[in-house]
Amino acid sequence: MAALLGLLVLVLCTAAPGPAAAGPAVTLRPVVIPGTGGARLVGSVAEPAGPGPYPLIVMPLAWAAGEDQFRRTQLVAARSGYVFVLYGTRGTHQSGGVTDLGGPKDVADVARVVDWALAHTPADARRIGAAGVSYGAAMSLLGAAFDRRITSVAALSAWNDLYEMLQENGTPTVAGALFTGWGAATGAADARGGPFHDVLHWDPERLAAWARPRSPATYLERYNTSGTALFFGQSWDDSSTPAAGLGEFFDRLRVRKRIEMRPGDHGGAEFTANLLPNDVVNSALRWFDHTLKGVDNGVDREAPVQIKPENSGPLFGAGKSFEEHPSWSAMTGSVLRLYPTGGGSLDDRPADAESHVHLVTGPGTVADSGLIGIQRTIEAALGAQVPRPLVLIPPGTGAVWATGPSRMPRYVRGTPEVHLTVTPAASNGTVVAYLYDVNALGTGTLVTYAPYSFHDRRPGAPFTVGFRLRPHAYDLPAGHRIALVVGTTDSRYFSRNPPLSRLSLSSTRASPSWVTLPLR
């Protein structure tokens, strides 16, 4: 496995950019666009050679990927009859100004780019779309919320609720600290450090207020009122922009809409867009063909929710067809509730006897969710996870409960929930819950997970917590077991536990602990 991982990294890092598909002649030229407040937005425009008018696609760039990463996409789109404008958002790449972290200046810049394109290219003012990956995807969604000229959006690896990116169940995320820390380092912060300070010193009220206007979820009714056609491409295990609330948001949209869920981590499925034809990008362009050009390509007759389970195979499930659902909530057909017992089992009914597990906070375990943006992306590309033998979790650092072997395959679809009784030795703390697929050898494959942090609790007093794990789709083979693992730390989060503190997990007949398994 290590050799395969190294080989994949070597191939992806050394591959030359792939040629764009052949087609009609296009022109490509660098441009400098005046943004809000005079900031110079540096980018490029590709357009068909004819007089037009042509539908317009505006693409704000992601922070970590420059123009070259999307050049093939830009040229393919232009040869398909689009004016395609790429640009670096303020304070990124070669663009001037200070990044606004998705604030009003960033959003206004999207409109300024549309203005420029209508004045300087053969773009059609009646057919305008916006697209992006990661940060650029969020800017496209936010830009459409404030500019009704944008009638269609393709958002790949976007955040929906920025607060969910900064924390999960009250637990600060490493991704949130990197995001706000980058902004603070480049000047997008006030004297006290702004949101970066609030992540490190944990001020959830200030963070929530700061994130709200930067969240597409805030503008649900604007999309519904304007009828913006919305396409989402997301990864199940996105460590930077998790899909925790995206499904509920999607179901509440009353517009033309489509969501495609694939295996992998943040931006993983889109990574090869400049090397070879890319499944996600092709889907986005197909969306624009229908919504901007009116092409009858069948996308409107397909179910709006298209998913590939996490274990769909190599190359982010490229060889497996989509599973279709009429809505996000329709993925879940039934819910199985399982109860941990004192014998380390997960049963379908509560145990008669009380059970207690005592943990020391701090040490990590093999159950860890993986290195941010690297491990889970490579695993999805290879179609296999790094083995995690759950027997290697030392007693006292994590608790493990498992079902018996399943007599038939089970298809996990939806959002699991966990209910635990916790007795802490400190007033603040964190628990992390995982669901694992365990084979006959005891090797675990991660299904889903989530942390939960508590604050201002009375030491020594038990309390119950209920929280949702990340939504997921996973096919559990016959003969495999489902395991619930609970630990106290994970590499993707800042644990709130004091070092080497203690906490206990308990389950009683009157107040049993449980986990739900949503099934198709």
Protein backbone atom coordinates (compact mmCIF):
# COMPACT_ATOMS: atom_id res chain seq x y z
CA MET A 1 0.00 0.00 0.00
CA ALA A 2 2.83 2.42 0.84
CA ALA A 3 4.44 1.75 -2.53
CA LEU A 4 1.15 2.34 -4.32
CA LEU A 5 0.60 5.60 -2.49
CA GLY A 6 4.09 6.79 -3.37
CA LEU A 7 3.64 5.80 -7.01
CA LEU A 8 0.35 7.66 -7.27
CA VAL A 9 1.82 10.82 -5.75
CA LEU A 10 4.78 10.63 -8.14
CA VAL A 11 2.54 10.22 -11.19
CA LEU A 12 0.23 13.08 -10.24
CA CYS A 13 3.05 15.45 -9.34
CA THR A 14 5.14 14.85 -12.47
CA ALA A 15 2.44 14.56 -15.12
CA ALA A 16 2.45 17.33 -17.68
CA PRO A 17 -0.76 19.26 -18.28
CA GLY A 18 -2.90 17.36 -20.76
CA PRO A 19 -3.91 18.89 -24.09
CA ALA A 20 -7.39 20.30 -24.41
CA ALA A 21 -9.81 18.47 -26.64
CA ALA A 22 -9.69 19.45 -30.29
CA GLY A 23 -12.42 21.77 -31.56
CA PRO A 24 -13.10 25.11 -33.24
CA ALA A 25 -10.46 27.80 -32.94
CA VAL A 26 -10.46 29.91 -29.80
CA THR A 27 -8.47 32.90 -28.60
CA LEU A 28 -6.79 32.96 -25.20
CA ARG A 29 -5.45 36.17 -23.68
CA PRO A 30 -4.36 37.42 -20.28
CA VAL A 31 -6.50 40.14 -18.73
CA VAL A 32 -6.47 42.52 -15.78
CA ILE A 33 -9.97 43.34 -14.51
CA PRO A 34 -10.70 46.28 -12.19
CA GLY A 35 -12.28 44.90 -9.04
CA THR A 36 -14.07 46.59 -6.17
CA GLY A 37 -12.12 49.52 -4.77
CA GLY A 38 -9.67 49.39 -7.67
CA ALA A 39 -8.13 46.00 -6.85
CA ARG A 40 -6.45 44.48 -9.92
CA LEU A 41 -7.92 41.04 -10.65
CA VAL A 42 -5.48 39.10 -12.82
CA GLY A 43 -6.79 36.32 -15.02
CA SER A 44 -7.43 35.23 -18.58
CA VAL A 45 -10.27 34.86 -21.05
CA ALA A 46 -10.81 32.17 -23.67
CA GLU A 47 -13.47 32.75 -26.29
CA PRO A 48 -14.60 31.25 -29.61
CA ALA A 49 -13.22 32.93 -32.69
CA GLY A 50 -16.63 33.87 -34.13
CA PRO A 51 -18.63 37.03 -33.40
CA GLY A 52 -21.06 35.53 -30.86
CA PRO A 53 -22.87 36.21 -28.67
CA TYR A 54 -21.85 33.25 -26.52
CA PRO A 55 -22.89 32.17 -23.03
CA LEU A 56 -20.48 33.35 -20.35
CA ILE A 57 -18.85 31.33 -17.57
CA VAL A 58 -16.98 33.21 -14.85
CA MET A 59 -14.62 31.16 -12.68
CA PRO A 60 -12.98 32.58 -9.54
CA LEU A 61 -9.89 30.49 -8.81
CA ALA A 62 -9.29 28.34 -5.78
CA TRP A 63 -6.58 29.51 -3.39
CA ALA A 64 -4.25 26.56 -3.92
CA ALA A 65 -4.73 26.12 -7.67
CA GLY A 66 -3.77 28.69 -10.28
CA GLU A 67 -4.88 29.23 -13.86
CA ASP A 68 -2.80 26.36 -15.22
CA GLN A 69 -4.77 23.88 -13.12
CA PHE A 70 -7.95 24.83 -15.00
CA ARG A 71 -6.53 25.75 -18.40
CA ARG A 72 -7.76 22.57 -20.04
CA THR A 73 -11.26 23.15 -18.68
CA GLN A 74 -11.20 26.74 -19.90
CA LEU A 75 -10.16 25.76 -23.45
CA VAL A 76 -12.57 22.84 -23.68
CA ALA A 77 -15.43 25.14 -22.66
CA ALA A 78 -14.39 27.83 -25.16
CA ARG A 79 -14.24 25.27 -27.96
CA SER A 80 -17.74 24.22 -26.94
CA GLY A 81 -19.01 27.75 -27.47
CA TYR A 82 -18.51 29.57 -24.16
CA VAL A 83 -16.69 32.73 -23.20
CA PHE A 84 -14.73 31.53 -20.18
CA VAL A 85 -13.11 33.99 -17.77
CA LEU A 86 -10.69 32.77 -15.09
CA TYR A 87 -9.46 35.15 -12.44
CA GLY A 88 -7.65 35.14 -9.12
CA THR A 89 -9.73 36.47 -6.26
CA ARG A 90 -8.38 39.55 -4.47
CA GLY A 91 -5.21 38.87 -2.53
CA THR A 92 -4.56 35.51 -4.21
CA HIS A 93 -2.24 34.48 -7.04
CA GLN A 94 -1.24 37.67 -8.91
CA SER A 95 -4.37 39.64 -8.06
CA GLY A 96 -4.11 42.77 -5.92
CA GLY A 97 -5.96 43.84 -2.82
CA VAL A 98 -6.44 41.93 0.42
CA THR A 99 -8.48 38.76 0.56
CA ASP A 100 -11.92 39.25 2.04
CA LEU A 101 -12.45 35.59 3.08
CA GLY A 102 -15.72 35.48 1.18
CA GLY A 103 -16.89 38.87 2.39
CA PRO A 104 -18.68 41.67 0.50
CA LYS A 105 -15.64 42.81 -1.52
CA ASP A 106 -15.02 39.29 -2.80
CA VAL A 107 -18.70 38.95 -3.68
CA ALA A 108 -18.82 42.34 -5.42
CA ASP A 109 -15.77 41.36 -7.47
CA VAL A 110 -17.79 38.58 -9.12
CA ALA A 111 -20.21 41.21 -10.46
CA ARG A 112 -17.30 43.40 -11.60
CA VAL A 113 -15.90 40.49 -13.62
CA VAL A 114 -19.30 39.93 -15.23
CA ASP A 115 -19.46 43.66 -16.07
CA TRP A 116 -16.01 43.49 -17.66
CA ALA A 117 -16.83 40.38 -19.70
CA LEU A 118 -20.02 41.90 -21.10
CA ALA A 119 -18.08 45.01 -22.14
CA HIS A 120 -14.95 43.34 -23.56
CA THR A 121 -15.99 39.93 -24.94
CA PRO A 122 -18.80 38.56 -27.15
CA ALA A 123 -20.62 37.31 -24.01
CA ASP A 124 -24.41 37.06 -23.95
CA ALA A 125 -25.93 39.06 -21.07
CA ARG A 126 -28.91 36.68 -20.97
CA ARG A 127 -26.81 33.53 -20.45
CA ILE A 128 -24.33 33.84 -17.59
CA GLY A 129 -22.98 31.11 -15.35
CA ALA A 130 -20.42 30.93 -12.56
CA ALA A 131 -18.22 27.99 -11.63
CA GLY A 132 -15.47 27.22 -9.17
CA VAL A 133 -13.65 24.73 -7.01
CA SER A 134 -13.27 25.18 -3.23
CA TYR A 135 -12.97 28.90 -2.42
CA GLY A 136 -13.89 29.78 -5.99
CA ALA A 137 -17.01 27.63 -5.76
CA ALA A 138 -18.20 29.46 -2.66
CA MET A 139 -17.53 32.80 -4.41
CA SER A 140 -19.61 31.62 -7.37
CA LEU A 141 -22.54 30.70 -5.13
CA LEU A 142 -22.31 33.94 -3.16
CA GLY A 143 -21.92 35.97 -6.34
CA ALA A 144 -25.10 34.45 -7.76
CA ALA A 145 -26.98 35.25 -4.55
CA PHE A 146 -26.28 38.97 -5.10
CA ASP A 147 -26.25 39.20 -8.91
CA ARG A 148 -29.37 37.92 -10.67
CA ARG A 149 -27.62 38.05 -14.03
CA ILE A 150 -25.94 34.80 -12.97
CA THR A 151 -28.58 32.19 -13.69
CA SER A 152 -26.58 28.96 -13.33
CA VAL A 153 -23.79 27.82 -10.97
CA ALA A 154 -21.52 24.78 -10.82
CA ALA A 155 -20.01 24.60 -7.32
CA LEU A 156 -17.35 21.92 -6.79
CA SER A 157 -16.09 21.27 -3.24
CA ALA A 158 -17.79 24.43 -2.00
CA TRP A 159 -18.73 25.30 1.54
CA ASN A 160 -22.44 25.67 2.15
CA ASP A 161 -22.34 26.90 5.75
CA LEU A 162 -18.95 28.45 6.58
CA TYR A 163 -19.52 27.90 10.29
CA GLU A 164 -19.59 24.15 9.64
CA MET A 165 -16.14 24.50 8.09
CA LEU A 166 -14.77 26.29 11.16
CA GLN A 167 -16.15 23.81 13.69
CA GLU A 168 -18.07 20.55 13.98
CA ASN A 169 -20.34 19.96 16.95
CA GLY A 170 -18.53 22.65 18.92
CA THR A 171 -15.05 21.38 18.01
CA PRO A 172 -12.68 23.77 16.19
CA THR A 173 -11.32 22.31 12.96
CA VAL A 174 -7.76 22.41 11.67
CA ALA A 175 -9.16 23.39 8.26
CA GLY A 176 -10.92 26.36 9.85
CA ALA A 177 -7.72 27.48 11.56
CA LEU A 178 -5.78 27.24 8.28
CA PHE A 179 -8.45 29.20 6.43
CA THR A 180 -8.76 32.02 8.93
CA GLY A 181 -5.02 31.93 9.70
CA TRP A 182 -4.20 32.47 6.04
CA GLY A 183 -6.53 35.46 6.04
CA ALA A 184 -4.94 36.91 9.16
CA ALA A 185 -1.45 36.44 7.72
CA THR A 186 -2.38 38.33 4.55
CA GLY A 187 -4.07 41.23 6.30
CA ALA A 188 -7.73 40.20 6.30
CA ALA A 189 -8.15 40.61 10.05
CA ASP A 190 -8.72 43.33 12.59
CA ALA A 191 -6.26 44.31 15.32
CA ARG A 192 -7.24 41.39 17.56
CA GLY A 193 -6.78 38.80 14.79
CA GLY A 194 -10.40 38.49 13.70
CA PRO A 195 -11.84 35.03 13.07
CA PHE A 196 -8.45 33.34 13.47
CA HIS A 197 -8.32 34.60 17.05
CA ASP A 198 -11.89 33.37 17.58
CA VAL A 199 -10.99 29.88 16.34
CA LEU A 200 -7.89 29.58 18.54
CA HIS A 201 -9.55 31.08 21.62
CA TRP A 202 -12.91 29.55 20.79
CA ASP A 203 -15.57 32.22 20.58
CA PRO A 204 -18.40 30.40 18.80
CA GLU A 205 -20.84 33.31 18.93
CA ARG A 206 -18.46 35.67 17.15
CA LEU A 207 -17.49 32.98 14.63
CA ALA A 208 -21.11 32.19 13.81
CA ALA A 209 -21.94 35.87 13.31
CA TRP A 210 -18.88 36.35 11.09
CA ALA A 211 -19.60 33.23 9.02
CA ARG A 212 -23.31 33.81 8.46
CA PRO A 213 -23.10 36.43 5.65
CA ARG A 214 -20.29 34.39 4.03
CA SER A 215 -22.46 31.25 3.80
CA PRO A 216 -24.54 30.37 0.72
CA ALA A 217 -27.00 28.64 3.08
CA THR A 218 -27.96 32.09 4.38
CA TYR A 219 -29.32 33.01 0.95
CA LEU A 220 -31.57 30.01 0.32
CA GLU A 221 -34.62 32.13 -0.45
CA ARG A 222 -32.65 34.37 -2.80
CA TYR A 223 -31.82 31.33 -4.93
CA ASN A 224 -35.41 30.17 -4.79
CA THR A 225 -36.77 33.61 -5.72
CA SER A 226 -34.37 34.17 -8.60
CA GLY A 227 -34.56 30.55 -9.79
CA THR A 228 -30.78 30.10 -9.98
CA ALA A 229 -29.94 26.66 -11.41
CA LEU A 230 -27.52 25.02 -8.94
CA PHE A 231 -25.12 22.11 -9.47
CA PHE A 232 -23.04 20.74 -6.58
CA GLY A 233 -20.12 18.33 -6.86
CA GLN A 234 -18.93 17.18 -3.45
CA SER A 235 -16.82 14.48 -1.79
CA TRP A 236 -18.19 12.40 1.07
CA ASP A 237 -15.08 12.84 3.21
CA ASP A 238 -14.32 16.48 2.47
CA SER A 239 -12.08 17.63 5.34
CA SER A 240 -12.23 21.33 4.41
CA THR A 241 -15.81 21.94 3.29
CA PRO A 242 -17.87 19.10 4.80
CA ALA A 243 -21.33 18.33 3.46
CA ALA A 244 -22.90 18.14 6.92
CA GLY A 245 -25.85 20.45 6.20
CA LEU A 246 -25.69 20.47 2.41
CA GLY A 247 -28.31 17.75 1.97
CA GLU A 248 -30.96 19.56 3.98
CA PHE A 249 -30.16 22.81 2.13
CA PHE A 250 -30.42 20.98 -1.19
CA ASP A 251 -33.83 19.51 -0.37
CA ARG A 252 -35.17 22.99 0.46
CA LEU A 253 -34.15 24.44 -2.89
CA ARG A 254 -37.08 24.97 -5.29
CA VAL A 255 -34.96 25.45 -8.41
CA ARG A 256 -33.37 23.32 -11.10
CA LYS A 257 -30.77 21.49 -9.09
CA ARG A 258 -28.39 18.55 -9.09
CA ILE A 259 -25.89 17.16 -6.61
CA GLU A 260 -23.21 14.55 -7.30
CA MET A 261 -21.48 12.90 -4.33
CA ARG A 262 -18.25 10.95 -4.85
CA PRO A 263 -15.57 9.26 -2.73
CA GLY A 264 -12.57 11.22 -1.54
CA ASP A 265 -11.48 14.41 0.17
CA HIS A 266 -11.53 18.10 -0.67
CA GLY A 267 -10.98 18.78 -4.37
CA GLY A 268 -9.72 15.25 -4.96
CA ALA A 269 -12.06 14.24 -7.78
CA GLU A 270 -11.35 17.55 -9.56
CA PHE A 271 -7.56 17.30 -9.20
CA THR A 272 -6.86 15.74 -12.59
CA ALA A 273 -8.90 18.31 -14.56
CA ASN A 274 -5.80 19.64 -16.33
CA LEU A 275 -4.31 16.21 -17.00
CA LEU A 276 -7.12 14.33 -18.73
CA PRO A 277 -10.89 14.37 -19.20
CA ASN A 278 -12.44 14.74 -15.77
CA ASP A 279 -15.74 13.23 -14.67
CA VAL A 280 -16.71 16.10 -12.36
CA VAL A 281 -15.82 18.84 -14.83
CA ASN A 282 -17.67 17.02 -17.61
CA SER A 283 -20.76 16.91 -15.40
CA ALA A 284 -20.47 20.65 -14.70
CA LEU A 285 -20.15 21.50 -18.40
CA ARG A 286 -23.09 19.23 -19.17
CA TRP A 287 -25.06 21.21 -16.57
CA PHE A 288 -24.16 24.49 -18.27
CA ASP A 289 -25.00 23.07 -21.71
CA HIS A 290 -28.53 22.41 -20.49
CA THR A 291 -29.13 25.46 -18.30
CA LEU A 292 -27.36 28.11 -20.39
CA LYS A 293 -27.56 26.73 -23.93
CA GLY A 294 -30.83 24.84 -23.62
CA VAL A 295 -29.27 21.60 -24.91
CA ASP A 296 -31.60 18.62 -24.49
CA ASN A 297 -28.96 16.32 -23.00
CA GLY A 298 -31.26 14.55 -20.54
CA VAL A 299 -29.93 16.13 -17.37
CA ASP A 300 -33.40 17.43 -16.52
CA ARG A 301 -34.86 13.93 -16.72
CA GLU A 302 -32.36 12.42 -14.30
CA ALA A 303 -32.84 12.28 -10.55
CA PRO A 304 -31.45 15.38 -8.82
CA VAL A 305 -29.39 13.38 -6.29
CA GLN A 306 -26.60 11.29 -7.83
CA ILE A 307 -24.26 9.38 -5.51
CA LYS A 308 -21.34 6.99 -5.60
CA PRO A 309 -20.64 5.23 -2.28
CA GLU A 310 -17.30 5.80 -0.58
CA ASN A 311 -16.07 2.33 -1.56
CA SER A 312 -17.03 2.59 -5.26
CA GLY A 313 -13.57 1.65 -6.49
CA PRO A 314 -10.53 3.37 -8.01
CA LEU A 315 -10.43 6.87 -9.47
CA PHE A 316 -13.20 8.16 -7.24
CA GLY A 317 -15.63 5.54 -8.47
CA ALA A 318 -15.12 6.41 -12.14
CA GLY A 319 -16.08 2.90 -13.27
CA LYS A 320 -19.30 2.77 -11.27
CA SER A 321 -22.57 4.35 -12.38
CA PHE A 322 -24.40 6.81 -10.19
CA GLU A 323 -27.07 5.67 -7.78
CA GLU A 324 -30.08 7.99 -8.21
CA HIS A 325 -32.46 9.41 -5.61
CA PRO A 326 -35.31 11.93 -5.92
CA SER A 327 -34.09 13.86 -2.86
CA TRP A 328 -31.34 13.81 -0.26
CA SER A 329 -33.65 12.50 2.45
CA ALA A 330 -34.88 9.72 0.14
CA MET A 331 -31.44 8.05 0.34
CA THR A 332 -32.42 6.68 3.76
CA GLY A 333 -35.09 4.01 3.71
CA SER A 334 -34.81 2.69 7.27
CA VAL A 335 -32.78 3.29 10.42
CA LEU A 336 -31.19 0.55 12.53
CA ARG A 337 -30.42 1.47 16.14
CA LEU A 338 -27.53 -0.39 17.78
CA TYR A 339 -26.58 -0.41 21.48
CA PRO A 340 -23.04 -0.87 22.89
CA THR A 341 -22.74 -3.41 25.70
CA GLY A 342 -20.21 -4.15 28.39
CA GLY A 343 -18.89 -7.09 26.37
CA GLY A 344 -17.76 -4.95 23.44
CA SER A 345 -20.74 -5.85 21.29
CA LEU A 346 -23.19 -3.72 19.32
CA ASP A 347 -26.65 -5.25 19.72
CA ASP A 348 -30.10 -4.38 18.43
CA ARG A 349 -31.45 -4.05 21.99
CA PRO A 350 -30.08 -2.43 25.16
CA ALA A 351 -28.16 -4.61 27.61
CA ASP A 352 -29.69 -5.33 31.01
CA ALA A 353 -26.42 -4.67 32.84
CA GLU A 354 -24.75 -1.29 33.14
CA SER A 355 -21.50 -0.79 31.28
CA HIS A 356 -18.68 1.70 31.82
CA VAL A 357 -15.57 2.50 29.79
CA HIS A 358 -12.83 4.76 31.17
CA LEU A 359 -10.63 6.75 28.79
CA VAL A 360 -7.50 8.87 29.22
CA THR A 361 -7.68 11.93 26.99
CA GLY A 362 -5.02 12.88 24.52
CA PRO A 363 -3.43 9.85 22.82
CA GLY A 364 -4.40 9.32 19.20
CA THR A 365 -5.27 5.91 17.77
CA VAL A 366 -5.33 4.07 14.43
CA ALA A 367 -8.99 5.08 14.17
CA ASP A 368 -7.89 8.62 13.21
CA SER A 369 -9.75 9.97 10.16
CA GLY A 370 -6.55 10.63 8.19
CA LEU A 371 -4.23 13.40 7.09
CA ILE A 372 -6.09 16.45 5.84
CA GLY A 373 -6.56 16.52 2.08
CA ILE A 374 -3.95 13.87 1.35
CA GLN A 375 -4.63 10.42 2.74
CA ARG A 376 -8.35 10.18 1.96
CA THR A 377 -7.88 11.60 -1.55
CA ILE A 378 -5.18 9.06 -2.38
CA GLU A 379 -7.26 6.25 -0.88
CA ALA A 380 -10.23 7.25 -3.07
CA ALA A 381 -7.98 7.41 -6.15
CA LEU A 382 -6.62 3.91 -5.44
CA GLY A 383 -9.95 2.49 -4.32
CA ALA A 384 -8.49 1.11 -1.08
CA GLN A 385 -7.85 2.48 2.39
CA VAL A 386 -4.72 2.19 4.47
CA PRO A 387 -5.48 -0.80 6.78
CA ARG A 388 -6.57 0.12 10.30
CA PRO A 389 -6.39 -2.92 12.61
CA LEU A 390 -8.74 -1.87 15.41
CA VAL A 391 -7.06 -4.34 17.76
CA LEU A 392 -4.17 -1.85 17.88
CA ILE A 393 -6.29 0.66 19.80
CA PRO A 394 -4.84 0.43 23.34
CA PRO A 395 -7.37 0.03 26.14
CA GLY A 396 -7.98 3.36 27.79
CA THR A 397 -7.35 5.42 24.65
CA GLY A 398 -10.44 4.33 22.74
CA ALA A 399 -13.53 2.17 23.13
CA VAL A 400 -14.60 -0.35 20.46
CA TRP A 401 -17.95 -2.12 20.07
CA ALA A 402 -18.82 -4.31 17.07
CA THR A 403 -21.77 -6.22 15.66
CA GLY A 404 -21.62 -9.81 14.58
CA PRO A 405 -20.93 -10.60 10.91
CA SER A 406 -23.75 -9.41 8.68
CA ARG A 407 -25.62 -12.20 6.88
CA MET A 408 -26.27 -9.94 3.89
CA PRO A 409 -24.88 -6.75 2.41
CA ARG A 410 -25.94 -3.50 4.06
CA TYR A 411 -26.06 -0.17 2.28
CA VAL A 412 -25.37 2.78 4.56
CA ARG A 413 -27.09 5.90 3.18
CA GLY A 414 -27.56 9.08 5.18
CA THR A 415 -26.54 10.59 8.49
CA PRO A 416 -25.81 8.34 11.51
CA GLU A 417 -26.42 9.68 15.01
CA VAL A 418 -24.70 8.86 18.29
CA HIS A 419 -26.13 9.12 21.83
CA LEU A 420 -23.66 8.80 24.72
CA THR A 421 -23.56 9.33 28.47
CA VAL A 422 -20.30 11.04 29.42
CA THR A 423 -18.80 11.64 32.85
CA PRO A 424 -15.84 14.04 32.57
CA ALA A 425 -13.06 14.80 35.02
CA ALA A 426 -12.79 18.32 33.57
CA SER A 427 -15.35 20.97 32.67
CA ASN A 428 -14.38 21.02 28.98
CA GLY A 429 -13.64 18.10 26.71
CA THR A 430 -14.02 16.30 23.39
CA VAL A 431 -15.08 12.86 22.24
CA VAL A 432 -14.74 11.59 18.66
CA ALA A 433 -17.01 8.85 17.33
CA TYR A 434 -16.27 6.69 14.28
CA LEU A 435 -18.11 4.00 12.36
CA TYR A 436 -15.92 1.29 10.82
CA ASP A 437 -16.46 -1.59 8.43
CA VAL A 438 -14.53 -4.51 9.94
CA ASN A 439 -13.58 -7.58 7.90
CA ALA A 440 -12.94 -11.12 9.12
CA LEU A 441 -9.31 -10.27 9.95
CA GLY A 442 -10.32 -7.39 12.21
CA THR A 443 -9.08 -4.73 9.80
CA GLY A 444 -11.22 -1.61 9.78
CA THR A 445 -12.27 0.59 6.88
CA LEU A 446 -13.50 4.02 7.91
CA VAL A 447 -17.13 4.73 7.09
CA THR A 448 -17.81 8.05 8.84
CA TYR A 449 -17.02 10.03 11.98
CA ALA A 450 -17.53 13.29 13.89
CA PRO A 451 -16.31 14.98 17.07
CA TYR A 452 -18.36 16.47 19.89
CA SER A 453 -17.04 19.03 22.39
CA PHE A 454 -18.65 20.05 25.67
CA HIS A 455 -18.09 23.17 27.76
CA ASP A 456 -18.75 24.26 31.33
CA ARG A 457 -19.81 20.84 32.58
CA ARG A 458 -19.53 19.89 36.24
CA PRO A 459 -16.60 17.49 36.71
CA GLY A 460 -17.75 14.09 37.92
CA ALA A 461 -21.39 14.66 36.90
CA PRO A 462 -22.71 12.46 34.05
CA PHE A 463 -24.60 14.04 31.15
CA THR A 464 -25.98 12.77 27.86
CA VAL A 465 -24.97 14.03 24.43
CA GLY A 466 -26.49 13.41 21.05
CA PHE A 467 -24.80 14.40 17.82
CA ARG A 468 -24.75 13.56 14.14
CA LEU A 469 -21.87 11.97 12.31
CA ARG A 470 -21.01 13.07 8.80
CA PRO A 471 -23.50 11.95 6.13
CA HIS A 472 -22.20 9.06 4.11
CA ALA A 473 -22.87 6.33 1.55
CA TYR A 474 -21.03 3.06 2.06
CA ASP A 475 -21.69 -0.54 0.93
CA LEU A 476 -21.01 -3.02 3.75
CA PRO A 477 -20.26 -6.50 2.31
CA ALA A 478 -21.89 -9.64 3.69
CA GLY A 479 -19.81 -11.21 6.44
CA HIS A 480 -18.43 -7.87 7.63
CA ARG A 481 -19.19 -6.15 10.93
CA ILE A 482 -20.00 -2.57 11.87
CA ALA A 483 -17.89 -1.14 14.70
CA LEU A 484 -18.46 1.97 16.79
CA VAL A 485 -15.20 3.49 18.03
CA VAL A 486 -15.05 6.38 20.49
CA GLY A 487 -11.82 8.22 21.23
CA THR A 488 -10.78 11.64 22.50
CA THR A 489 -8.72 13.18 19.70
CA ASP A 490 -8.40 13.27 15.92
CA SER A 491 -5.88 14.98 13.64
CA ARG A 492 -8.54 17.06 11.89
CA TYR A 493 -9.71 18.81 15.07
CA PHE A 494 -8.48 20.75 18.07
CA SER A 495 -9.50 18.65 21.03
CA ARG A 496 -10.87 20.56 24.03
CA ASN A 497 -9.59 17.96 26.48
CA PRO A 498 -6.97 18.91 29.07
CA PRO A 499 -3.89 16.67 28.55
CA LEU A 500 -4.15 13.27 30.23
CA SER A 501 -7.50 14.02 31.79
CA ARG A 502 -10.11 11.29 32.15
CA LEU A 503 -13.65 10.73 31.04
CA SER A 504 -16.04 7.80 31.27
CA LEU A 505 -18.65 6.50 28.85
CA SER A 506 -21.57 4.64 30.36
CA SER A 507 -24.76 2.94 29.30
CA THR A 508 -27.63 1.90 31.52
CA ARG A 509 -31.02 0.35 30.97
CA ALA A 510 -32.67 3.65 31.85
CA SER A 511 -30.31 5.74 29.70
CA PRO A 512 -28.68 3.51 27.10
CA SER A 513 -26.04 4.69 24.67
CA TRP A 514 -26.73 4.00 21.00
CA VAL A 515 -25.77 4.68 17.40
CA THR A 516 -28.11 4.72 14.42
CA LEU A 517 -27.26 3.20 11.07
CA PRO A 518 -29.24 4.76 8.18
CA LEU A 519 -29.84 2.17 5.48
CA ARG A 520 -31.11 2.25 1.91
